[in-house]
Protein backbone atom coordinates (compact mmCIF):
# COMPACT_ATOMS: atom_id res chain seq x y z
CA VAL A 1 4.95 44.10 37.41
CA ALA A 2 7.52 42.13 35.90
CA ALA A 3 6.57 39.15 38.13
CA GLN A 4 2.51 39.81 36.46
CA ASN A 5 3.75 40.04 32.92
CA CYS A 6 5.59 36.87 33.04
CA ARG A 7 2.41 34.85 34.65
CA LYS A 8 0.28 36.55 32.24
CA ARG A 9 2.95 35.21 29.57
CA LYS A 10 3.12 31.66 31.74
CA LEU A 11 -0.63 31.28 31.29
CA ASN A 12 -1.26 32.40 27.99
CA ALA A 13 1.57 30.15 26.71
CA ILE A 14 -0.12 26.91 28.34
CA LEU A 15 -3.20 28.43 26.74
CA HIS A 16 -1.47 27.85 23.57
CA LEU A 17 -0.49 24.52 24.63
CA GLU A 18 -3.94 23.05 25.60
CA GLU A 19 -5.26 24.67 22.06
CA ASP A 20 -2.28 23.01 20.50
CA VAL A 21 -3.18 19.69 22.08
CA CYS A 22 -7.19 19.26 21.62
CA ASN A 23 -6.26 20.60 17.96
CA LEU A 24 -3.85 17.75 17.35
CA GLN A 25 -6.01 15.31 19.17
CA THR A 26 -8.88 16.07 17.12
CA GLN A 27 -6.60 15.67 14.00
CA LYS A 28 -5.23 12.46 15.41
CA GLU A 29 -8.64 11.20 15.50
CA SER A 30 -9.92 12.24 12.17
CA LEU A 31 -6.46 10.87 11.02
CA LYS A 32 -7.20 7.18 12.69
CA LYS A 33 -10.34 7.10 10.57
CA GLU A 34 -9.13 8.03 7.30
CA HIS A 35 -6.50 5.42 7.69
CA SER A 36 -9.43 3.05 8.81
CA GLN A 37 -11.31 4.26 5.39
CA CYS A 38 -8.14 3.54 3.82
CA SER A 39 -7.38 0.02 4.70
CA ARG A 40 -11.17 -0.71 4.17
CA SER A 41 -10.88 0.26 0.42
CA ILE A 42 -7.88 -1.51 -0.17
CA SER A 43 -9.42 -4.61 1.14
CA ARG A 44 -11.52 -4.51 -0.99
CA MET A 45 -9.56 -3.76 -3.86
CA LYS A 46 -7.61 -7.11 -3.20
CA GLN A 47 -11.03 -8.83 -3.07
CA LYS A 48 -11.92 -7.39 -6.17
CA LEU A 49 -8.59 -8.16 -8.24
CA ASN A 50 -8.28 -11.95 -6.59
CA ASN A 51 -11.71 -12.09 -8.10
CA LEU A 52 -10.76 -10.52 -11.49
CA TYR A 53 -7.47 -13.20 -11.34
CA HIS A 54 -9.54 -15.93 -10.77
CA ASP A 55 -11.98 -15.16 -13.33
CA ILE A 56 -9.13 -14.63 -15.91
CA PHE A 57 -7.48 -17.62 -15.06
CA SER A 58 -11.09 -19.90 -15.07
CA ARG A 59 -11.71 -18.93 -18.83
CA LEU A 60 -7.94 -19.25 -19.99
CA ARG A 61 -7.26 -22.17 -22.17
CA ASP A 62 -3.84 -23.60 -23.64
CA ASP A 63 -2.86 -24.75 -27.34
CA GLN A 64 -4.92 -28.29 -26.46
CA GLY A 65 -8.19 -26.28 -25.24
CA ARG A 66 -7.40 -26.95 -21.10
CA PRO A 67 -7.34 -24.71 -18.49
CA VAL A 68 -4.00 -22.44 -17.50
CA ASN A 69 -3.21 -23.26 -13.64
CA PRO A 70 -2.81 -20.29 -11.92
CA CYS A 71 -0.29 -22.14 -9.93
CA GLN A 72 1.70 -22.29 -12.51
CA TYR A 73 1.70 -19.06 -14.26
CA ILE A 74 1.35 -15.02 -13.47
CA ILE A 75 -0.65 -12.12 -14.61
CA HIS A 76 1.82 -9.46 -15.84
CA CYS A 77 0.75 -5.90 -16.86
CA SER A 78 3.39 -3.59 -19.00
CA SER A 79 3.66 -0.27 -18.43
CA ASP A 80 2.36 -0.21 -21.66
CA GLY A 81 -1.04 -1.00 -21.10
CA ASN A 82 -0.25 -4.73 -22.77
CA VAL A 83 -1.22 -7.88 -20.10
CA PHE A 84 0.84 -11.20 -20.78
CA ILE A 85 0.82 -14.82 -19.14
CA ILE A 86 3.89 -15.57 -17.78
CA PRO A 87 5.44 -19.01 -15.98
CA LYS A 88 5.95 -18.27 -12.95
CA HIS A 89 9.83 -20.27 -13.18
CA LEU A 90 10.38 -17.12 -15.23
CA VAL A 91 9.36 -14.65 -13.24
CA ASN A 92 10.79 -16.29 -9.87
CA SER A 93 14.45 -16.30 -11.85
CA GLU A 94 14.02 -12.86 -12.92
CA HIS A 95 13.25 -11.48 -9.22
CA ARG A 96 16.70 -13.74 -8.53
CA GLN A 97 18.79 -12.21 -10.81
CA ASP A 98 17.61 -8.99 -9.79
CA ASN A 99 18.10 -9.37 -6.10
CA GLU A 100 21.96 -10.57 -6.86
CA LYS A 101 22.10 -7.76 -9.02
CA GLU A 102 20.73 -5.69 -6.16
CA GLN A 103 23.38 -7.00 -3.68
CA LYS A 104 26.45 -7.21 -5.98
CA GLN A 105 25.73 -3.02 -6.23
CA LYS A 106 25.33 -2.88 -2.33
CA SER A 107 28.38 -4.13 -1.76
């Protein structure tokens, strides 16, 4: 009787594990689909942002009425919702300073 109960528990455990495997495979497929949808959505957002960026720069003019060069400037959005056009060399120097501060703190 003990051996029979042991075999029964073992079969029940195997059945539960098989059910778990099936559920996990279903969940995995669902997550793959969700990941794919998210990736497509991110790609669309990136394309829209890129289009917006080019549209903004095509309309911007400097003090002399010349188009602003997107290779020399970036668009910066602050946390309070303000938008600024900043020369890239200023941003690059700030990033370098920030990186140097982070490295010093890590040391």
